[in-house]
Amino acid sequence: MQAFEIIGGILLILMAIAIIIMVLMQEGKGGGAAALGGAQPQSYGKNRAKTLDVLLSKYTKVIGAVFLVVTFLVWILSIYF
């Protein structure tokens, strides 16, 4: 294994962990099982949660795109070098 493959693999692992954490931190979009019981959403701190969700969603998309690019770069470099 060459150095760029090791570095690329480490980057991919770190980005995958970051994506998992960001997705788990995001608030669910649907009502889920709570909607069946008639639970009402809390309005306290709702604006803060929305801005955090928007920020997490944006960062998740960016890291996902970078993850895809790094994956292709490692794959192409491992074939040709």
C-alpha atoms as a PDB file:
ATOM      1  CA  MET A   1       0.000   0.000   0.000  1.00  0.00           C
ATOM      2  CA  GLN A   2       1.251   3.412  -0.863  1.00  0.00           C
ATOM      3  CA  ALA A   3       1.175   6.444   1.390  1.00  0.00           C
ATOM      4  CA  PHE A   4      -1.676   8.192  -0.462  1.00  0.00           C
ATOM      5  CA  GLU A   5      -3.859   5.113  -0.085  1.00  0.00           C
ATOM      6  CA  ILE A   6      -3.262   5.077   3.673  1.00  0.00           C
ATOM      7  CA  ILE A   7      -3.876   8.819   3.988  1.00  0.00           C
ATOM      8  CA  GLY A   8      -6.973   8.557   1.774  1.00  0.00           C
ATOM      9  CA  GLY A   9      -8.291   5.658   3.837  1.00  0.00           C
ATOM     10  CA  ILE A  10      -7.810   7.558   7.072  1.00  0.00           C
ATOM     11  CA  LEU A  11      -9.570  10.606   5.572  1.00  0.00           C
ATOM     12  CA  LEU A  12     -12.461   8.432   4.414  1.00  0.00           C
ATOM     13  CA  ILE A  13     -12.861   6.869   7.857  1.00  0.00           C
ATOM     14  CA  LEU A  14     -12.809  10.273   9.575  1.00  0.00           C
ATOM     15  CA  MET A  15     -15.321  11.734   7.100  1.00  0.00           C
ATOM     16  CA  ALA A  16     -17.602   8.711   7.462  1.00  0.00           C
ATOM     17  CA  ILE A  17     -17.594   9.137  11.247  1.00  0.00           C
ATOM     18  CA  ALA A  18     -18.303  12.869  10.845  1.00  0.00           C
ATOM     19  CA  ILE A  19     -21.234  12.165   8.503  1.00  0.00           C
ATOM     20  CA  ILE A  20     -22.689   9.612  10.910  1.00  0.00           C
ATOM     21  CA  ILE A  21     -22.427  12.012  13.848  1.00  0.00           C
ATOM     22  CA  MET A  22     -23.973  14.901  11.893  1.00  0.00           C
ATOM     23  CA  VAL A  23     -26.884  12.795  10.682  1.00  0.00           C
ATOM     24  CA  LEU A  24     -27.557  11.512  14.188  1.00  0.00           C
ATOM     25  CA  MET A  25     -27.508  15.073  15.573  1.00  0.00           C
ATOM     26  CA  GLN A  26     -30.160  16.266  13.129  1.00  0.00           C
ATOM     27  CA  GLU A  27     -33.754  16.410  14.248  1.00  0.00           C
ATOM     28  CA  GLY A  28     -36.225  14.113  12.518  1.00  0.00           C
ATOM     29  CA  LYS A  29     -38.366  15.668   9.806  1.00  0.00           C
ATOM     30  CA  GLY A  30     -41.484  13.543  10.223  1.00  0.00           C
ATOM     31  CA  GLY A  31     -43.849  13.047  13.117  1.00  0.00           C
ATOM     32  CA  GLY A  32     -42.777   9.479  13.684  1.00  0.00           C
ATOM     33  CA  ALA A  33     -44.377   7.397  16.421  1.00  0.00           C
ATOM     34  CA  ALA A  34     -44.978  10.484  18.572  1.00  0.00           C
ATOM     35  CA  ALA A  35     -47.584  11.694  16.077  1.00  0.00           C
ATOM     36  CA  LEU A  36     -49.642   8.548  16.687  1.00  0.00           C
ATOM     37  CA  GLY A  37     -49.982   9.365  20.374  1.00  0.00           C
ATOM     38  CA  GLY A  38     -51.045  12.944  19.749  1.00  0.00           C
ATOM     39  CA  ALA A  39     -47.840  14.519  21.007  1.00  0.00           C
ATOM     40  CA  GLN A  40     -47.491  18.211  20.247  1.00  0.00           C
ATOM     41  CA  PRO A  41     -44.153  19.649  19.150  1.00  0.00           C
ATOM     42  CA  GLN A  42     -42.486  21.947  21.668  1.00  0.00           C
ATOM     43  CA  SER A  43     -42.163  25.551  20.572  1.00  0.00           C
ATOM     44  CA  TYR A  44     -39.483  26.487  23.110  1.00  0.00           C
ATOM     45  CA  GLY A  45     -36.130  26.849  21.344  1.00  0.00           C
ATOM     46  CA  LYS A  46     -37.627  25.904  17.999  1.00  0.00           C
ATOM     47  CA  ASN A  47     -35.883  28.653  16.023  1.00  0.00           C
ATOM     48  CA  ARG A  48     -32.508  27.660  17.415  1.00  0.00           C
ATOM     49  CA  ALA A  49     -33.139  24.038  16.491  1.00  0.00           C
ATOM     50  CA  LYS A  50     -34.082  25.020  12.947  1.00  0.00           C
ATOM     51  CA  THR A  51     -30.914  27.011  12.400  1.00  0.00           C
ATOM     52  CA  LEU A  52     -28.808  24.179  13.843  1.00  0.00           C
ATOM     53  CA  ASP A  53     -30.595  21.665  11.605  1.00  0.00           C
ATOM     54  CA  VAL A  54     -30.007  23.832   8.536  1.00  0.00           C
ATOM     55  CA  LEU A  55     -26.332  24.174   9.420  1.00  0.00           C
ATOM     56  CA  LEU A  56     -25.924  20.442  10.090  1.00  0.00           C
ATOM     57  CA  SER A  57     -27.733  19.604   6.866  1.00  0.00           C
ATOM     58  CA  LYS A  58     -25.483  21.913   4.876  1.00  0.00           C
ATOM     59  CA  TYR A  59     -22.306  20.502   6.441  1.00  0.00           C
ATOM     60  CA  THR A  60     -23.529  16.946   5.892  1.00  0.00           C
ATOM     61  CA  LYS A  61     -24.005  17.626   2.186  1.00  0.00           C
ATOM     62  CA  VAL A  62     -20.575  19.239   1.878  1.00  0.00           C
ATOM     63  CA  ILE A  63     -18.786  16.424   3.699  1.00  0.00           C
ATOM     64  CA  GLY A  64     -20.729  13.872   1.647  1.00  0.00           C
ATOM     65  CA  ALA A  65     -19.568  15.516  -1.581  1.00  0.00           C
ATOM     66  CA  VAL A  66     -15.967  15.669  -0.355  1.00  0.00           C
ATOM     67  CA  PHE A  67     -16.245  12.024   0.711  1.00  0.00           C
ATOM     68  CA  LEU A  68     -17.330  11.085  -2.816  1.00  0.00           C
ATOM     69  CA  VAL A  69     -14.483  13.046  -4.426  1.00  0.00           C
ATOM     70  CA  VAL A  70     -11.851  11.582  -2.096  1.00  0.00           C
ATOM     71  CA  THR A  71     -13.201   8.084  -2.735  1.00  0.00           C
ATOM     72  CA  PHE A  72     -12.852   8.524  -6.489  1.00  0.00           C
ATOM     73  CA  LEU A  73      -9.379  10.064  -6.146  1.00  0.00           C
ATOM     74  CA  VAL A  74      -8.116   7.189  -4.009  1.00  0.00           C
ATOM     75  CA  TRP A  75      -9.641   4.693  -6.425  1.00  0.00           C
ATOM     76  CA  ILE A  76      -8.142   6.340  -9.519  1.00  0.00           C
ATOM     77  CA  LEU A  77      -4.727   6.848  -7.925  1.00  0.00           C
ATOM     78  CA  SER A  78      -4.636   3.244  -6.715  1.00  0.00           C
ATOM     79  CA  ILE A  79      -5.268   2.013 -10.265  1.00  0.00           C
ATOM     80  CA  TYR A  80      -2.763   4.169 -12.101  1.00  0.00           C
ATOM     81  CA  PHE A  81       0.044   4.495  -9.535  1.00  0.00           C
END
